[in-house]
Amino acid sequence: MARIAVITHEFDVFERRRGPLLRRDSPYMLFDLLEELKRRGHSVRIVAGTSARPEADIAILHVDATVAPPEYVEYARTYPFCLNIGAADISKRRVSGAVIDKDHGWRGPVIVKSSLNNLGTREQTLNRRSRRAGRPEPFPDARLLDRYCIYNSLADVPPAVFDRKDLVVEKFVPEPEPDGFGARFWLFCGERERCTRHVSPQNLVKGED
């Protein structure tokens, strides 16, 4: 069976114990996949930071930030095989197919987002935890966006938005449903899978809605 190392940022909290029975829990979908892999006989170790070097057959790069710091990417390369190493930068400016510029011919509504995931909140969290530990901020240039802004057209977007590298403008194409708006999520592990659809009265749908 495989030995799996999950590489997290040293200040990430991948799992914790909750409730009167102190059951293990995690906000990450990967947690459920790892539980299934352990049930199948594989071993899993969460590696926080880059100082330890456990023996492993497979590593999973799981730094909870939009762009994994270079030292984590280099650390991940020391393993024989690493999942997610090709997704070390998942900023919207890099991976989104919906990003448009001010001269695009799109005629529908648009949304202004942070190029960072989740408004940049994860970077702010890691910066705060690093400061508390007396360490340098890992993302000193990260800017927190307070909310997403939706406009009826490109012409309505303030011109200054297009000059900011930390923001992106995307086509806004929500999935309408009779009772709101939908979003789909697919989680799979080998031959087993879980596909869910979330419907919310909000036109911006997140998994927690």
N, C-alpha and C. Protein backbone atom coordinates (compact mmCIF):
# COMPACT_ATOMS: atom_id res chain seq x y z
N MET A 1 0.83 -1.19 0.00
CA MET A 1 0.00 0.00 0.00
C MET A 1 0.87 1.25 0.00
N ALA A 2 0.29 2.35 -0.45
CA ALA A 2 1.07 3.58 -0.62
C ALA A 2 1.17 4.37 0.68
N ARG A 3 2.32 5.04 0.84
CA ARG A 3 2.53 6.00 1.92
C ARG A 3 2.32 7.40 1.33
N ILE A 4 1.36 8.13 1.88
CA ILE A 4 0.96 9.42 1.32
C ILE A 4 1.33 10.54 2.28
N ALA A 5 2.03 11.55 1.77
CA ALA A 5 2.36 12.74 2.55
C ALA A 5 1.57 13.92 2.02
N VAL A 6 0.82 14.58 2.88
CA VAL A 6 0.04 15.76 2.50
C VAL A 6 0.79 17.00 2.98
N ILE A 7 1.27 17.80 2.04
CA ILE A 7 2.09 18.97 2.36
C ILE A 7 1.18 20.18 2.58
N THR A 8 1.18 20.71 3.79
CA THR A 8 0.40 21.90 4.10
C THR A 8 1.34 23.03 4.54
N HIS A 9 0.83 24.24 4.52
CA HIS A 9 1.60 25.36 5.07
C HIS A 9 1.78 25.15 6.57
N GLU A 10 2.89 25.62 7.10
CA GLU A 10 3.15 25.38 8.52
C GLU A 10 2.09 26.00 9.42
N PHE A 11 1.35 26.99 8.92
CA PHE A 11 0.30 27.61 9.72
C PHE A 11 -1.11 27.26 9.24
N ASP A 12 -1.22 26.32 8.34
CA ASP A 12 -2.54 25.77 7.99
C ASP A 12 -3.04 24.90 9.14
N VAL A 13 -4.34 24.83 9.32
CA VAL A 13 -4.94 23.89 10.26
C VAL A 13 -5.76 22.92 9.42
N PHE A 14 -5.16 21.80 9.07
CA PHE A 14 -5.82 20.88 8.15
C PHE A 14 -6.98 20.15 8.82
N GLU A 15 -6.80 19.77 10.07
CA GLU A 15 -7.87 19.07 10.78
C GLU A 15 -7.84 19.45 12.25
N ARG A 16 -8.97 19.26 12.91
CA ARG A 16 -9.06 19.53 14.34
C ARG A 16 -10.10 18.60 14.94
N ARG A 17 -10.18 18.60 16.24
CA ARG A 17 -11.18 17.77 16.93
C ARG A 17 -12.28 18.67 17.47
N ARG A 18 -13.52 18.26 17.23
CA ARG A 18 -14.66 19.08 17.60
C ARG A 18 -15.68 18.26 18.39
N GLY A 19 -16.54 18.98 19.11
CA GLY A 19 -17.66 18.34 19.79
C GLY A 19 -17.26 17.64 21.07
N PRO A 20 -18.26 17.18 21.82
CA PRO A 20 -17.99 16.53 23.11
C PRO A 20 -17.18 15.24 22.96
N LEU A 21 -17.27 14.60 21.79
CA LEU A 21 -16.52 13.36 21.57
C LEU A 21 -15.18 13.61 20.90
N LEU A 22 -14.88 14.89 20.65
CA LEU A 22 -13.60 15.28 20.02
C LEU A 22 -13.34 14.50 18.73
N ARG A 23 -14.34 14.47 17.89
CA ARG A 23 -14.19 13.78 16.62
C ARG A 23 -13.37 14.63 15.66
N ARG A 24 -12.54 13.95 14.88
CA ARG A 24 -11.71 14.64 13.90
C ARG A 24 -12.58 15.22 12.80
N ASP A 25 -12.26 16.46 12.41
CA ASP A 25 -13.04 17.14 11.39
C ASP A 25 -12.10 18.04 10.60
N SER A 26 -12.55 18.44 9.42
CA SER A 26 -11.73 19.30 8.57
C SER A 26 -12.62 20.09 7.63
N PRO A 27 -12.23 21.31 7.28
CA PRO A 27 -13.00 22.08 6.30
C PRO A 27 -12.68 21.71 4.85
N TYR A 28 -11.74 20.80 4.66
CA TYR A 28 -11.27 20.49 3.31
C TYR A 28 -11.89 19.21 2.76
N MET A 29 -12.26 19.24 1.49
CA MET A 29 -12.80 18.04 0.84
C MET A 29 -11.77 16.92 0.80
N LEU A 30 -10.48 17.27 0.75
CA LEU A 30 -9.44 16.25 0.71
C LEU A 30 -9.49 15.35 1.93
N PHE A 31 -9.96 15.87 3.05
CA PHE A 31 -10.03 15.08 4.29
C PHE A 31 -10.85 13.82 4.08
N ASP A 32 -12.01 13.94 3.45
CA ASP A 32 -12.87 12.77 3.22
C ASP A 32 -12.20 11.77 2.27
N LEU A 33 -11.49 12.28 1.27
CA LEU A 33 -10.77 11.39 0.36
C LEU A 33 -9.68 10.62 1.10
N LEU A 34 -8.97 11.31 1.97
CA LEU A 34 -7.91 10.64 2.72
C LEU A 34 -8.47 9.58 3.66
N GLU A 35 -9.63 9.86 4.25
CA GLU A 35 -10.25 8.86 5.12
C GLU A 35 -10.60 7.61 4.32
N GLU A 36 -11.07 7.79 3.10
CA GLU A 36 -11.39 6.65 2.25
C GLU A 36 -10.12 5.89 1.87
N LEU A 37 -9.05 6.61 1.57
CA LEU A 37 -7.79 5.95 1.22
C LEU A 37 -7.23 5.18 2.42
N LYS A 38 -7.37 5.73 3.61
CA LYS A 38 -6.92 5.00 4.80
C LYS A 38 -7.76 3.75 5.02
N ARG A 39 -9.05 3.85 4.73
CA ARG A 39 -9.91 2.68 4.86
C ARG A 39 -9.46 1.57 3.92
N ARG A 40 -8.90 1.96 2.78
CA ARG A 40 -8.41 0.98 1.81
C ARG A 40 -7.02 0.45 2.15
N GLY A 41 -6.42 0.95 3.21
CA GLY A 41 -5.14 0.41 3.65
C GLY A 41 -3.93 1.29 3.43
N HIS A 42 -4.11 2.45 2.82
CA HIS A 42 -2.99 3.36 2.61
C HIS A 42 -2.71 4.15 3.89
N SER A 43 -1.48 4.59 4.06
CA SER A 43 -1.13 5.41 5.22
C SER A 43 -1.03 6.87 4.80
N VAL A 44 -1.42 7.76 5.70
CA VAL A 44 -1.45 9.19 5.40
C VAL A 44 -0.76 9.95 6.52
N ARG A 45 0.08 10.89 6.14
CA ARG A 45 0.72 11.77 7.12
C ARG A 45 0.58 13.21 6.66
N ILE A 46 0.11 14.08 7.56
CA ILE A 46 0.02 15.51 7.28
C ILE A 46 1.37 16.14 7.64
N VAL A 47 1.99 16.80 6.66
CA VAL A 47 3.31 17.40 6.86
C VAL A 47 3.15 18.92 6.83
N ALA A 48 3.26 19.55 7.99
CA ALA A 48 3.10 21.01 8.09
C ALA A 48 4.47 21.67 7.98
N GLY A 49 4.65 22.46 6.93
CA GLY A 49 5.94 23.10 6.72
C GLY A 49 6.88 22.24 5.89
N THR A 50 8.12 22.68 5.80
CA THR A 50 9.08 22.01 4.91
C THR A 50 10.28 21.44 5.65
N SER A 51 10.26 21.45 6.98
CA SER A 51 11.43 20.99 7.72
C SER A 51 11.51 19.47 7.81
N ALA A 52 10.37 18.80 7.94
CA ALA A 52 10.37 17.34 8.03
C ALA A 52 10.47 16.73 6.64
N ARG A 53 10.96 15.52 6.58
CA ARG A 53 11.04 14.82 5.29
C ARG A 53 10.69 13.35 5.50
N PRO A 54 9.40 13.06 5.74
CA PRO A 54 9.01 11.67 5.94
C PRO A 54 9.12 10.87 4.65
N GLU A 55 9.36 9.59 4.79
CA GLU A 55 9.37 8.70 3.63
C GLU A 55 7.94 8.57 3.11
N ALA A 56 7.78 8.75 1.81
CA ALA A 56 6.45 8.65 1.20
C ALA A 56 6.59 8.26 -0.26
N ASP A 57 5.60 7.54 -0.74
CA ASP A 57 5.56 7.17 -2.16
C ASP A 57 4.90 8.26 -2.99
N ILE A 58 3.95 8.94 -2.39
CA ILE A 58 3.18 9.98 -3.08
C ILE A 58 3.03 11.17 -2.14
N ALA A 59 3.18 12.36 -2.68
CA ALA A 59 2.90 13.58 -1.92
C ALA A 59 1.74 14.32 -2.58
N ILE A 60 1.01 15.07 -1.77
CA ILE A 60 -0.06 15.92 -2.27
C ILE A 60 0.23 17.34 -1.78
N LEU A 61 0.44 18.25 -2.70
CA LEU A 61 0.68 19.65 -2.33
C LEU A 61 -0.66 20.29 -1.98
N HIS A 62 -0.84 20.66 -0.73
CA HIS A 62 -2.13 21.17 -0.27
C HIS A 62 -1.94 22.41 0.61
N VAL A 63 -1.16 23.35 0.13
CA VAL A 63 -1.01 24.63 0.82
C VAL A 63 -2.27 25.45 0.54
N ASP A 64 -2.95 25.88 1.60
CA ASP A 64 -4.22 26.59 1.43
C ASP A 64 -3.96 28.06 1.14
N ALA A 65 -3.48 28.31 -0.06
CA ALA A 65 -3.24 29.66 -0.55
C ALA A 65 -3.37 29.63 -2.06
N THR A 66 -3.64 30.76 -2.64
CA THR A 66 -3.83 30.82 -4.09
C THR A 66 -2.56 30.43 -4.83
N VAL A 67 -1.43 30.91 -4.35
CA VAL A 67 -0.13 30.58 -4.95
C VAL A 67 0.74 29.97 -3.86
N ALA A 68 1.15 28.73 -4.06
CA ALA A 68 2.02 28.08 -3.08
C ALA A 68 3.39 28.76 -3.09
N PRO A 69 3.94 29.11 -1.93
CA PRO A 69 5.27 29.73 -1.89
C PRO A 69 6.31 28.84 -2.57
N PRO A 70 7.31 29.44 -3.20
CA PRO A 70 8.31 28.66 -3.95
C PRO A 70 8.99 27.58 -3.13
N GLU A 71 9.24 27.85 -1.83
CA GLU A 71 9.93 26.85 -1.02
C GLU A 71 9.09 25.59 -0.84
N TYR A 72 7.77 25.73 -0.87
CA TYR A 72 6.90 24.56 -0.77
C TYR A 72 6.88 23.79 -2.08
N VAL A 73 6.93 24.48 -3.19
CA VAL A 73 6.97 23.81 -4.49
C VAL A 73 8.27 23.03 -4.62
N GLU A 74 9.38 23.65 -4.23
CA GLU A 74 10.67 22.95 -4.30
C GLU A 74 10.69 21.76 -3.35
N TYR A 75 10.12 21.92 -2.18
CA TYR A 75 10.03 20.81 -1.24
C TYR A 75 9.20 19.67 -1.82
N ALA A 76 8.10 20.01 -2.47
CA ALA A 76 7.24 18.98 -3.07
C ALA A 76 7.98 18.20 -4.15
N ARG A 77 8.90 18.85 -4.84
CA ARG A 77 9.65 18.18 -5.91
C ARG A 77 10.61 17.12 -5.38
N THR A 78 10.87 17.11 -4.09
CA THR A 78 11.80 16.12 -3.55
C THR A 78 11.15 14.75 -3.40
N TYR A 79 9.84 14.68 -3.55
CA TYR A 79 9.15 13.40 -3.45
C TYR A 79 9.12 12.71 -4.81
N PRO A 80 9.04 11.37 -4.82
CA PRO A 80 9.03 10.65 -6.10
C PRO A 80 7.90 11.08 -7.03
N PHE A 81 6.75 11.40 -6.46
CA PHE A 81 5.59 11.83 -7.25
C PHE A 81 4.76 12.76 -6.38
N CYS A 82 4.30 13.86 -6.97
CA CYS A 82 3.51 14.82 -6.19
C CYS A 82 2.31 15.28 -6.99
N LEU A 83 1.12 15.07 -6.43
CA LEU A 83 -0.10 15.60 -7.01
C LEU A 83 -0.22 17.09 -6.71
N ASN A 84 -0.80 17.82 -7.62
CA ASN A 84 -1.08 19.26 -7.48
C ASN A 84 0.12 20.15 -7.70
N ILE A 85 1.28 19.58 -7.97
CA ILE A 85 2.44 20.45 -8.14
C ILE A 85 2.28 21.33 -9.39
N GLY A 86 1.50 20.85 -10.35
CA GLY A 86 1.22 21.65 -11.54
C GLY A 86 0.16 22.70 -11.31
N ALA A 87 -0.43 22.69 -10.11
CA ALA A 87 -1.47 23.68 -9.78
C ALA A 87 -1.02 24.53 -8.61
N ALA A 88 0.27 24.86 -8.58
CA ALA A 88 0.80 25.66 -7.48
C ALA A 88 0.32 27.11 -7.56
N ASP A 89 -0.11 27.54 -8.74
CA ASP A 89 -0.66 28.89 -8.91
C ASP A 89 -2.04 28.76 -9.53
N ILE A 90 -3.07 28.99 -8.72
CA ILE A 90 -4.44 28.88 -9.22
C ILE A 90 -5.14 30.24 -9.14
N SER A 91 -4.36 31.30 -9.28
CA SER A 91 -4.97 32.63 -9.31
C SER A 91 -5.89 32.74 -10.52
N LYS A 92 -6.94 33.50 -10.38
CA LYS A 92 -7.91 33.62 -11.47
C LYS A 92 -7.27 34.21 -12.72
N ARG A 93 -6.34 35.13 -12.53
CA ARG A 93 -5.68 35.72 -13.69
C ARG A 93 -4.93 34.66 -14.49
N ARG A 94 -4.51 33.58 -13.81
CA ARG A 94 -3.76 32.54 -14.49
C ARG A 94 -4.65 31.44 -15.05
N VAL A 95 -5.69 31.02 -14.33
CA VAL A 95 -6.43 29.82 -14.70
C VAL A 95 -7.84 30.06 -15.21
N SER A 96 -8.43 31.21 -14.95
CA SER A 96 -9.83 31.41 -15.33
C SER A 96 -9.98 31.64 -16.83
N GLY A 97 -10.94 30.95 -17.41
CA GLY A 97 -11.26 31.16 -18.82
C GLY A 97 -12.30 32.24 -19.04
N ALA A 98 -12.76 32.85 -17.95
CA ALA A 98 -13.82 33.87 -18.06
C ALA A 98 -13.29 35.29 -17.93
N VAL A 99 -11.98 35.45 -17.68
CA VAL A 99 -11.41 36.79 -17.51
C VAL A 99 -11.42 37.54 -18.84
N ILE A 100 -11.85 38.78 -18.80
CA ILE A 100 -11.90 39.62 -20.00
C ILE A 100 -11.29 40.98 -19.69
N ASP A 101 -10.88 41.69 -20.74
CA ASP A 101 -10.33 43.03 -20.55
C ASP A 101 -11.36 44.06 -20.98
N LYS A 102 -11.01 45.32 -20.84
CA LYS A 102 -11.97 46.40 -21.08
C LYS A 102 -12.37 46.52 -22.54
N ASP A 103 -11.59 45.96 -23.45
CA ASP A 103 -11.90 46.05 -24.88
C ASP A 103 -12.61 44.81 -25.41
N HIS A 104 -12.96 43.89 -24.54
CA HIS A 104 -13.64 42.66 -24.97
C HIS A 104 -15.05 42.98 -25.48
N GLY A 105 -15.54 42.14 -26.37
CA GLY A 105 -16.86 42.37 -26.96
C GLY A 105 -18.02 41.79 -26.17
N TRP A 106 -17.77 41.26 -24.98
CA TRP A 106 -18.82 40.68 -24.15
C TRP A 106 -19.90 41.72 -23.84
N ARG A 107 -21.17 41.33 -24.04
CA ARG A 107 -22.28 42.26 -23.84
C ARG A 107 -23.11 41.98 -22.59
N GLY A 108 -22.78 40.93 -21.89
CA GLY A 108 -23.56 40.58 -20.71
C GLY A 108 -23.00 41.17 -19.43
N PRO A 109 -23.55 40.76 -18.29
CA PRO A 109 -23.06 41.26 -17.00
C PRO A 109 -21.66 40.73 -16.70
N VAL A 110 -20.96 41.44 -15.84
CA VAL A 110 -19.60 41.05 -15.46
C VAL A 110 -19.47 41.12 -13.94
N ILE A 111 -18.45 40.45 -13.44
CA ILE A 111 -18.19 40.45 -12.00
C ILE A 111 -16.73 40.78 -11.76
N VAL A 112 -16.48 41.63 -10.79
CA VAL A 112 -15.11 41.99 -10.40
C VAL A 112 -14.74 41.17 -9.17
N LYS A 113 -13.63 40.44 -9.29
CA LYS A 113 -13.17 39.57 -8.21
C LYS A 113 -11.71 39.86 -7.89
N SER A 114 -11.30 39.38 -6.73
CA SER A 114 -9.87 39.32 -6.44
C SER A 114 -9.27 38.21 -7.28
N SER A 115 -8.05 38.42 -7.77
CA SER A 115 -7.37 37.33 -8.47
C SER A 115 -7.03 36.20 -7.51
N LEU A 116 -7.00 36.51 -6.21
CA LEU A 116 -6.78 35.50 -5.19
C LEU A 116 -8.08 34.75 -4.91
N ASN A 117 -7.97 33.54 -4.43
CA ASN A 117 -9.15 32.77 -4.05
C ASN A 117 -9.82 33.38 -2.82
N ASN A 118 -11.14 33.26 -2.78
CA ASN A 118 -11.92 33.60 -1.59
C ASN A 118 -11.59 34.99 -1.06
N LEU A 119 -11.50 35.94 -1.98
CA LEU A 119 -11.30 37.36 -1.64
C LEU A 119 -9.92 37.65 -1.03
N GLY A 120 -9.05 36.65 -1.01
CA GLY A 120 -7.75 36.83 -0.37
C GLY A 120 -7.75 36.53 1.12
N THR A 121 -8.83 35.93 1.63
CA THR A 121 -8.93 35.70 3.07
C THR A 121 -7.91 34.68 3.57
N ARG A 122 -7.59 33.67 2.75
CA ARG A 122 -6.63 32.67 3.22
C ARG A 122 -5.24 33.28 3.39
N GLU A 123 -4.85 34.13 2.46
CA GLU A 123 -3.55 34.79 2.60
C GLU A 123 -3.51 35.66 3.84
N GLN A 124 -4.61 36.36 4.11
CA GLN A 124 -4.67 37.20 5.30
C GLN A 124 -4.58 36.35 6.57
N THR A 125 -5.23 35.20 6.57
CA THR A 125 -5.18 34.31 7.73
C THR A 125 -3.77 33.81 7.98
N LEU A 126 -3.09 33.38 6.93
CA LEU A 126 -1.72 32.89 7.09
C LEU A 126 -0.78 34.02 7.51
N ASN A 127 -0.99 35.22 6.99
CA ASN A 127 -0.19 36.36 7.43
C ASN A 127 -0.39 36.62 8.93
N ARG A 128 -1.63 36.57 9.37
CA ARG A 128 -1.93 36.85 10.78
C ARG A 128 -1.30 35.78 11.69
N ARG A 129 -1.43 34.52 11.32
CA ARG A 129 -0.85 33.46 12.14
C ARG A 129 0.67 33.55 12.16
N SER A 130 1.25 33.95 11.05
CA SER A 130 2.71 34.10 11.00
C SER A 130 3.17 35.22 11.92
N ARG A 131 2.46 36.34 11.91
CA ARG A 131 2.82 37.45 12.80
C ARG A 131 2.74 37.04 14.26
N ARG A 132 1.68 36.30 14.60
CA ARG A 132 1.53 35.86 15.99
C ARG A 132 2.67 34.96 16.42
N ALA A 133 3.22 34.21 15.47
CA ALA A 133 4.34 33.31 15.77
C ALA A 133 5.68 34.02 15.67
N GLY A 134 5.65 35.33 15.39
CA GLY A 134 6.89 36.08 15.27
C GLY A 134 7.64 35.80 13.99
N ARG A 135 6.93 35.40 12.97
CA ARG A 135 7.54 35.05 11.69
C ARG A 135 7.14 36.07 10.63
N PRO A 136 7.92 36.19 9.55
CA PRO A 136 7.55 37.11 8.46
C PRO A 136 6.25 36.67 7.79
N GLU A 137 5.51 37.63 7.28
CA GLU A 137 4.28 37.31 6.55
C GLU A 137 4.64 36.58 5.26
N PRO A 138 3.99 35.45 4.98
CA PRO A 138 4.27 34.74 3.72
C PRO A 138 3.70 35.43 2.49
N PHE A 139 2.69 36.28 2.69
CA PHE A 139 2.05 36.97 1.56
C PHE A 139 1.90 38.46 1.88
N PRO A 140 3.01 39.17 1.99
CA PRO A 140 2.94 40.58 2.42
C PRO A 140 2.23 41.49 1.44
N ASP A 141 2.15 41.10 0.17
CA ASP A 141 1.52 41.96 -0.83
C ASP A 141 0.05 41.62 -1.08
N ALA A 142 -0.47 40.62 -0.37
CA ALA A 142 -1.86 40.21 -0.60
C ALA A 142 -2.82 41.28 -0.09
N ARG A 143 -3.79 41.62 -0.92
CA ARG A 143 -4.80 42.61 -0.55
C ARG A 143 -6.15 41.92 -0.40
N LEU A 144 -6.85 42.25 0.67
CA LEU A 144 -8.15 41.65 0.94
C LEU A 144 -9.24 42.45 0.23
N LEU A 145 -10.08 41.74 -0.51
CA LEU A 145 -11.23 42.37 -1.17
C LEU A 145 -12.46 42.15 -0.30
N ASP A 146 -13.21 43.20 -0.01
CA ASP A 146 -14.31 43.05 0.93
C ASP A 146 -15.53 42.35 0.33
N ARG A 147 -15.71 42.44 -0.99
CA ARG A 147 -16.87 41.79 -1.59
C ARG A 147 -16.68 41.74 -3.11
N TYR A 148 -17.46 40.87 -3.74
CA TYR A 148 -17.52 40.84 -5.20
C TYR A 148 -18.49 41.92 -5.67
N CYS A 149 -18.21 42.48 -6.83
CA CYS A 149 -19.09 43.50 -7.41
C CYS A 149 -19.58 43.04 -8.78
N ILE A 150 -20.88 43.10 -8.99
CA ILE A 150 -21.48 42.69 -10.26
C ILE A 150 -21.98 43.94 -10.98
N TYR A 151 -21.67 44.02 -12.27
CA TYR A 151 -22.09 45.16 -13.10
C TYR A 151 -22.87 44.64 -14.30
N ASN A 152 -23.77 45.46 -14.78
CA ASN A 152 -24.60 45.06 -15.91
C ASN A 152 -23.81 44.93 -17.21
N SER A 153 -22.71 45.64 -17.31
CA SER A 153 -21.90 45.59 -18.53
C SER A 153 -20.48 46.03 -18.23
N LEU A 154 -19.58 45.78 -19.18
CA LEU A 154 -18.20 46.23 -19.04
C LEU A 154 -18.10 47.73 -18.90
N ALA A 155 -18.98 48.44 -19.58
CA ALA A 155 -18.93 49.90 -19.55
C ALA A 155 -19.19 50.46 -18.16
N ASP A 156 -19.84 49.69 -17.30
CA ASP A 156 -20.16 50.16 -15.96
C ASP A 156 -19.02 49.95 -14.96
N VAL A 157 -18.01 49.19 -15.35
CA VAL A 157 -16.89 48.90 -14.44
C VAL A 157 -16.00 50.14 -14.33
N PRO A 158 -15.65 50.57 -13.12
CA PRO A 158 -14.75 51.72 -12.97
C PRO A 158 -13.43 51.47 -13.70
N PRO A 159 -12.96 52.42 -14.48
CA PRO A 159 -11.73 52.22 -15.27
C PRO A 159 -10.53 51.80 -14.43
N ALA A 160 -10.45 52.28 -13.19
CA ALA A 160 -9.29 51.96 -12.35
C ALA A 160 -9.18 50.47 -12.05
N VAL A 161 -10.29 49.75 -12.14
CA VAL A 161 -10.27 48.31 -11.87
C VAL A 161 -9.33 47.60 -12.84
N PHE A 162 -9.33 48.02 -14.09
CA PHE A 162 -8.53 47.34 -15.10
C PHE A 162 -7.03 47.60 -14.93
N ASP A 163 -6.67 48.58 -14.12
CA ASP A 163 -5.26 48.88 -13.88
C ASP A 163 -4.69 48.12 -12.69
N ARG A 164 -5.55 47.43 -11.95
CA ARG A 164 -5.10 46.72 -10.76
C ARG A 164 -4.83 45.25 -11.06
N LYS A 165 -3.60 44.81 -10.78
CA LYS A 165 -3.22 43.43 -11.05
C LYS A 165 -3.83 42.45 -10.05
N ASP A 166 -4.29 42.97 -8.90
CA ASP A 166 -4.88 42.08 -7.90
C ASP A 166 -6.36 41.82 -8.16
N LEU A 167 -6.94 42.48 -9.17
CA LEU A 167 -8.35 42.29 -9.51
C LEU A 167 -8.49 41.71 -10.91
N VAL A 168 -9.59 41.00 -11.13
CA VAL A 168 -9.92 40.52 -12.47
C VAL A 168 -11.38 40.84 -12.75
N VAL A 169 -11.70 40.99 -14.01
CA VAL A 169 -13.08 41.15 -14.46
C VAL A 169 -13.44 39.90 -15.25
N GLU A 170 -14.52 39.24 -14.85
CA GLU A 170 -14.95 38.01 -15.51
C GLU A 170 -16.36 38.17 -16.07
N LYS A 171 -16.65 37.39 -17.10
CA LYS A 171 -18.04 37.24 -17.54
C LYS A 171 -18.83 36.66 -16.37
N PHE A 172 -20.01 37.20 -16.14
CA PHE A 172 -20.84 36.68 -15.05
C PHE A 172 -21.92 35.81 -15.66
N VAL A 173 -21.79 34.50 -15.46
CA VAL A 173 -22.71 33.55 -16.10
C VAL A 173 -23.24 32.57 -15.04
N PRO A 174 -24.12 33.02 -14.15
CA PRO A 174 -24.69 32.13 -13.14
C PRO A 174 -25.61 31.10 -13.78
N GLU A 175 -25.82 29.99 -13.07
CA GLU A 175 -26.71 28.93 -13.54
C GLU A 175 -28.09 29.14 -12.92
N PRO A 176 -29.06 29.66 -13.67
CA PRO A 176 -30.38 29.94 -13.08
C PRO A 176 -31.17 28.67 -12.82
N GLU A 177 -31.90 28.66 -11.72
CA GLU A 177 -32.80 27.58 -11.34
C GLU A 177 -34.15 28.20 -10.99
N PRO A 178 -35.24 27.42 -11.03
CA PRO A 178 -36.55 27.99 -10.69
C PRO A 178 -36.59 28.64 -9.31
N ASP A 179 -35.80 28.10 -8.36
CA ASP A 179 -35.83 28.64 -7.00
C ASP A 179 -34.52 29.33 -6.62
N GLY A 180 -33.75 29.75 -7.59
CA GLY A 180 -32.52 30.47 -7.27
C GLY A 180 -31.43 30.23 -8.31
N PHE A 181 -30.22 29.99 -7.83
CA PHE A 181 -29.08 29.78 -8.70
C PHE A 181 -28.32 28.55 -8.23
N GLY A 182 -27.74 27.81 -9.17
CA GLY A 182 -27.11 26.55 -8.84
C GLY A 182 -25.60 26.57 -9.01
N ALA A 183 -24.95 25.66 -8.29
CA ALA A 183 -23.52 25.41 -8.44
C ALA A 183 -23.30 23.92 -8.26
N ARG A 184 -22.37 23.35 -9.01
CA ARG A 184 -22.14 21.91 -9.00
C ARG A 184 -20.75 21.59 -8.46
N PHE A 185 -20.66 20.49 -7.71
CA PHE A 185 -19.40 20.06 -7.12
C PHE A 185 -19.22 18.56 -7.36
N TRP A 186 -18.02 18.17 -7.74
CA TRP A 186 -17.73 16.77 -8.06
C TRP A 186 -16.50 16.33 -7.27
N LEU A 187 -16.66 15.30 -6.47
CA LEU A 187 -15.57 14.75 -5.67
C LEU A 187 -15.43 13.28 -6.05
N PHE A 188 -14.22 12.84 -6.37
CA PHE A 188 -14.05 11.46 -6.81
C PHE A 188 -12.77 10.87 -6.25
N CYS A 189 -12.77 9.55 -6.10
CA CYS A 189 -11.60 8.81 -5.63
C CYS A 189 -11.65 7.43 -6.25
N GLY A 190 -10.81 7.19 -7.25
CA GLY A 190 -10.85 5.92 -7.95
C GLY A 190 -12.19 5.74 -8.65
N GLU A 191 -12.88 4.65 -8.34
CA GLU A 191 -14.16 4.36 -8.98
C GLU A 191 -15.34 4.95 -8.22
N ARG A 192 -15.10 5.57 -7.09
CA ARG A 192 -16.18 6.13 -6.29
C ARG A 192 -16.23 7.64 -6.48
N GLU A 193 -17.43 8.18 -6.48
CA GLU A 193 -17.58 9.61 -6.72
C GLU A 193 -18.80 10.16 -5.99
N ARG A 194 -18.78 11.47 -5.80
CA ARG A 194 -19.93 12.15 -5.21
C ARG A 194 -20.13 13.45 -5.96
N CYS A 195 -21.29 13.60 -6.56
CA CYS A 195 -21.61 14.80 -7.32
C CYS A 195 -22.82 15.46 -6.66
N THR A 196 -22.68 16.73 -6.33
CA THR A 196 -23.77 17.44 -5.67
C THR A 196 -24.06 18.75 -6.40
N ARG A 197 -25.28 19.20 -6.25
CA ARG A 197 -25.68 20.49 -6.79
C ARG A 197 -26.29 21.31 -5.67
N HIS A 198 -25.78 22.52 -5.49
CA HIS A 198 -26.27 23.42 -4.45
C HIS A 198 -27.08 24.53 -5.11
N VAL A 199 -28.24 24.82 -4.54
CA VAL A 199 -29.09 25.89 -5.05
C VAL A 199 -29.27 26.92 -3.94
N SER A 200 -29.09 28.18 -4.30
CA SER A 200 -29.18 29.26 -3.33
C SER A 200 -29.98 30.41 -3.92
N PRO A 201 -30.66 31.18 -3.09
CA PRO A 201 -31.32 32.39 -3.62
C PRO A 201 -30.32 33.46 -4.04
N GLN A 202 -29.06 33.30 -3.61
CA GLN A 202 -28.02 34.25 -3.99
C GLN A 202 -27.47 33.90 -5.37
N ASN A 203 -27.13 34.90 -6.16
CA ASN A 203 -26.58 34.61 -7.48
C ASN A 203 -25.10 34.25 -7.44
N LEU A 204 -24.47 34.41 -6.29
CA LEU A 204 -23.11 33.91 -6.07
C LEU A 204 -23.23 32.74 -5.10
N VAL A 205 -23.04 31.53 -5.59
CA VAL A 205 -23.28 30.33 -4.79
C VAL A 205 -21.96 29.73 -4.33
N LYS A 206 -21.85 29.48 -3.03
CA LYS A 206 -20.72 28.78 -2.45
C LYS A 206 -21.20 27.48 -1.85
N GLY A 207 -20.26 26.58 -1.58
CA GLY A 207 -20.63 25.27 -1.05
C GLY A 207 -21.35 25.34 0.27
N GLU A 208 -21.07 26.39 1.07
CA GLU A 208 -21.72 26.49 2.37
C GLU A 208 -23.11 27.09 2.30
N ASP A 209 -23.54 27.58 1.13
CA ASP A 209 -24.86 28.20 0.99
C ASP A 209 -25.97 27.15 1.11
